[in-house]
């Protein structure tokens, strides 16, 4: 009985690892939240200069993904279902799990 239960738990765990993750959707949601936060704290005076927000994804085959010069990391996504990450120096995504095969950084620039 113990062997069957253990085998079942292992099968369930392996099936969870096989479920695909929609990283682009997750990064877009995080980016939109960040933009809303930035816009909520701007001055109430109309700007004479029109600003545009441009964003891109940067993929790395390691635990770190760096944004291009002049861009800021607004969110991260990590491989092997790692949900633990941090942004360092405003432009580097660092995945905090022990085993990670890729990292995405959502990089944006307001110009």
C-alpha atoms as a PDB file:
ATOM      1  CA  UNK A   1       0.000   0.000   0.000  1.00  0.00           C
ATOM      2  CA  UNK A   2       2.823   2.401   0.861  1.00  0.00           C
ATOM      3  CA  UNK A   3       4.549   1.691  -2.448  1.00  0.00           C
ATOM      4  CA  UNK A   4       1.379   2.428  -4.423  1.00  0.00           C
ATOM      5  CA  UNK A   5       0.778   5.690  -2.554  1.00  0.00           C
ATOM      6  CA  UNK A   6       4.381   6.777  -3.022  1.00  0.00           C
ATOM      7  CA  UNK A   7       4.249   5.922  -6.733  1.00  0.00           C
ATOM      8  CA  UNK A   8       1.032   7.902  -7.136  1.00  0.00           C
ATOM      9  CA  UNK A   9       2.557  10.968  -5.460  1.00  0.00           C
ATOM     10  CA  UNK A  10       5.621  10.762  -7.699  1.00  0.00           C
ATOM     11  CA  UNK A  11       3.401  10.547 -10.810  1.00  0.00           C
ATOM     12  CA  UNK A  12       1.388  13.588  -9.711  1.00  0.00           C
ATOM     13  CA  UNK A  13       4.594  15.548  -9.074  1.00  0.00           C
ATOM     14  CA  UNK A  14       5.998  14.640 -12.502  1.00  0.00           C
ATOM     15  CA  UNK A  15       2.736  15.629 -14.216  1.00  0.00           C
ATOM     16  CA  UNK A  16       2.886  19.055 -12.549  1.00  0.00           C
ATOM     17  CA  UNK A  17       6.363  19.575 -13.996  1.00  0.00           C
ATOM     18  CA  UNK A  18       5.016  18.863 -17.484  1.00  0.00           C
ATOM     19  CA  UNK A  19       2.314  21.564 -17.374  1.00  0.00           C
ATOM     20  CA  UNK A  20       3.351  24.451 -19.668  1.00  0.00           C
ATOM     21  CA  UNK A  21       3.626  27.921 -18.162  1.00  0.00           C
ATOM     22  CA  UNK A  22       2.455  31.035 -20.018  1.00  0.00           C
ATOM     23  CA  UNK A  23       5.392  33.337 -19.216  1.00  0.00           C
ATOM     24  CA  UNK A  24       4.498  36.031 -21.735  1.00  0.00           C
ATOM     25  CA  UNK A  25       1.039  36.481 -20.219  1.00  0.00           C
ATOM     26  CA  UNK A  26       2.475  36.624 -16.713  1.00  0.00           C
ATOM     27  CA  UNK A  27       5.099  39.192 -17.694  1.00  0.00           C
ATOM     28  CA  UNK A  28       2.505  41.329 -19.463  1.00  0.00           C
ATOM     29  CA  UNK A  29       0.252  41.374 -16.396  1.00  0.00           C
ATOM     30  CA  UNK A  30       3.150  42.376 -14.135  1.00  0.00           C
ATOM     31  CA  UNK A  31       4.210  45.059 -16.616  1.00  0.00           C
ATOM     32  CA  UNK A  32       0.703  46.521 -16.821  1.00  0.00           C
ATOM     33  CA  UNK A  33       0.478  46.685 -13.018  1.00  0.00           C
ATOM     34  CA  UNK A  34       3.841  48.467 -12.862  1.00  0.00           C
ATOM     35  CA  UNK A  35       2.738  50.994 -15.506  1.00  0.00           C
ATOM     36  CA  UNK A  36      -0.499  51.694 -13.609  1.00  0.00           C
ATOM     37  CA  UNK A  37       1.521  52.296 -10.433  1.00  0.00           C
ATOM     38  CA  UNK A  38       3.830  54.718 -12.236  1.00  0.00           C
ATOM     39  CA  UNK A  39       0.949  56.601 -13.839  1.00  0.00           C
ATOM     40  CA  UNK A  40      -0.938  56.877 -10.532  1.00  0.00           C
ATOM     41  CA  UNK A  41       1.953  58.790  -8.939  1.00  0.00           C
ATOM     42  CA  UNK A  42       2.603  61.309 -11.707  1.00  0.00           C
ATOM     43  CA  UNK A  43       1.832  65.009 -11.297  1.00  0.00           C
ATOM     44  CA  UNK A  44      -1.641  66.236 -12.207  1.00  0.00           C
ATOM     45  CA  UNK A  45      -0.191  68.747 -14.667  1.00  0.00           C
ATOM     46  CA  UNK A  46      -0.484  67.904 -18.359  1.00  0.00           C
ATOM     47  CA  UNK A  47       2.841  67.302 -20.018  1.00  0.00           C
ATOM     48  CA  UNK A  48       3.808  69.215 -23.152  1.00  0.00           C
ATOM     49  CA  UNK A  49       5.909  66.224 -24.191  1.00  0.00           C
ATOM     50  CA  UNK A  50       4.179  62.999 -25.117  1.00  0.00           C
ATOM     51  CA  UNK A  51       5.883  59.975 -23.559  1.00  0.00           C
ATOM     52  CA  UNK A  52       5.758  56.461 -24.916  1.00  0.00           C
ATOM     53  CA  UNK A  53       6.362  53.190 -23.127  1.00  0.00           C
ATOM     54  CA  UNK A  54       8.289  50.539 -25.009  1.00  0.00           C
ATOM     55  CA  UNK A  55       8.825  47.056 -23.588  1.00  0.00           C
ATOM     56  CA  UNK A  56      10.595  43.891 -24.649  1.00  0.00           C
ATOM     57  CA  UNK A  57      11.391  40.443 -23.258  1.00  0.00           C
ATOM     58  CA  UNK A  58      14.977  39.310 -22.755  1.00  0.00           C
ATOM     59  CA  UNK A  59      15.660  35.567 -22.432  1.00  0.00           C
ATOM     60  CA  UNK A  60      18.754  34.046 -20.881  1.00  0.00           C
ATOM     61  CA  UNK A  61      19.740  30.397 -20.515  1.00  0.00           C
ATOM     62  CA  UNK A  62      20.896  30.939 -16.923  1.00  0.00           C
ATOM     63  CA  UNK A  63      19.521  32.223 -13.593  1.00  0.00           C
ATOM     64  CA  UNK A  64      20.025  35.876 -14.605  1.00  0.00           C
ATOM     65  CA  UNK A  65      18.522  37.970 -17.401  1.00  0.00           C
ATOM     66  CA  UNK A  66      19.770  41.527 -17.945  1.00  0.00           C
ATOM     67  CA  UNK A  67      17.888  44.375 -19.589  1.00  0.00           C
ATOM     68  CA  UNK A  68      19.554  46.468 -22.306  1.00  0.00           C
ATOM     69  CA  UNK A  69      21.100  49.797 -21.310  1.00  0.00           C
ATOM     70  CA  UNK A  70      18.501  52.438 -20.478  1.00  0.00           C
ATOM     71  CA  UNK A  71      15.722  49.925 -19.782  1.00  0.00           C
ATOM     72  CA  UNK A  72      14.275  48.872 -16.415  1.00  0.00           C
ATOM     73  CA  UNK A  73      13.192  45.365 -15.400  1.00  0.00           C
ATOM     74  CA  UNK A  74       9.492  45.371 -14.522  1.00  0.00           C
ATOM     75  CA  UNK A  75       9.078  41.615 -14.011  1.00  0.00           C
ATOM     76  CA  UNK A  76      10.781  38.236 -14.243  1.00  0.00           C
ATOM     77  CA  UNK A  77       9.919  34.661 -15.095  1.00  0.00           C
ATOM     78  CA  UNK A  78      12.007  31.560 -14.411  1.00  0.00           C
ATOM     79  CA  UNK A  79      12.212  28.008 -15.751  1.00  0.00           C
ATOM     80  CA  UNK A  80      11.398  24.776 -13.917  1.00  0.00           C
ATOM     81  CA  UNK A  81       8.305  26.455 -12.403  1.00  0.00           C
ATOM     82  CA  UNK A  82      10.469  28.663 -10.186  1.00  0.00           C
ATOM     83  CA  UNK A  83       8.267  31.416  -8.800  1.00  0.00           C
ATOM     84  CA  UNK A  84      10.934  33.002  -6.625  1.00  0.00           C
ATOM     85  CA  UNK A  85      12.851  35.883  -8.187  1.00  0.00           C
ATOM     86  CA  UNK A  86      14.123  39.383  -7.485  1.00  0.00           C
ATOM     87  CA  UNK A  87      15.137  42.441  -9.485  1.00  0.00           C
ATOM     88  CA  UNK A  88      18.668  43.669  -8.801  1.00  0.00           C
ATOM     89  CA  UNK A  89      19.969  47.147  -9.693  1.00  0.00           C
ATOM     90  CA  UNK A  90      16.635  47.845 -11.430  1.00  0.00           C
ATOM     91  CA  UNK A  91      17.731  45.999 -14.588  1.00  0.00           C
ATOM     92  CA  UNK A  92      18.703  42.405 -13.704  1.00  0.00           C
ATOM     93  CA  UNK A  93      16.301  39.532 -13.016  1.00  0.00           C
ATOM     94  CA  UNK A  94      17.718  36.948 -10.625  1.00  0.00           C
ATOM     95  CA  UNK A  95      15.907  33.609 -10.226  1.00  0.00           C
ATOM     96  CA  UNK A  96      16.304  32.371  -6.649  1.00  0.00           C
ATOM     97  CA  UNK A  97      15.592  28.642  -7.095  1.00  0.00           C
ATOM     98  CA  UNK A  98      18.433  26.103  -7.061  1.00  0.00           C
ATOM     99  CA  UNK A  99      17.609  24.578 -10.451  1.00  0.00           C
ATOM    100  CA  UNK A 100      16.698  27.032 -13.218  1.00  0.00           C
ATOM    101  CA  UNK A 101      17.351  26.495 -16.933  1.00  0.00           C
ATOM    102  CA  UNK A 102      16.155  29.871 -18.259  1.00  0.00           C
ATOM    103  CA  UNK A 103      15.125  33.329 -17.140  1.00  0.00           C
ATOM    104  CA  UNK A 104      13.035  36.046 -18.798  1.00  0.00           C
ATOM    105  CA  UNK A 105      13.204  39.730 -17.938  1.00  0.00           C
ATOM    106  CA  UNK A 106      10.422  42.108 -18.981  1.00  0.00           C
ATOM    107  CA  UNK A 107      12.287  45.323 -19.778  1.00  0.00           C
ATOM    108  CA  UNK A 108      10.585  48.691 -20.291  1.00  0.00           C
ATOM    109  CA  UNK A 109      11.648  52.243 -21.093  1.00  0.00           C
ATOM    110  CA  UNK A 110       9.665  55.467 -20.849  1.00  0.00           C
ATOM    111  CA  UNK A 111      10.774  57.964 -23.491  1.00  0.00           C
END
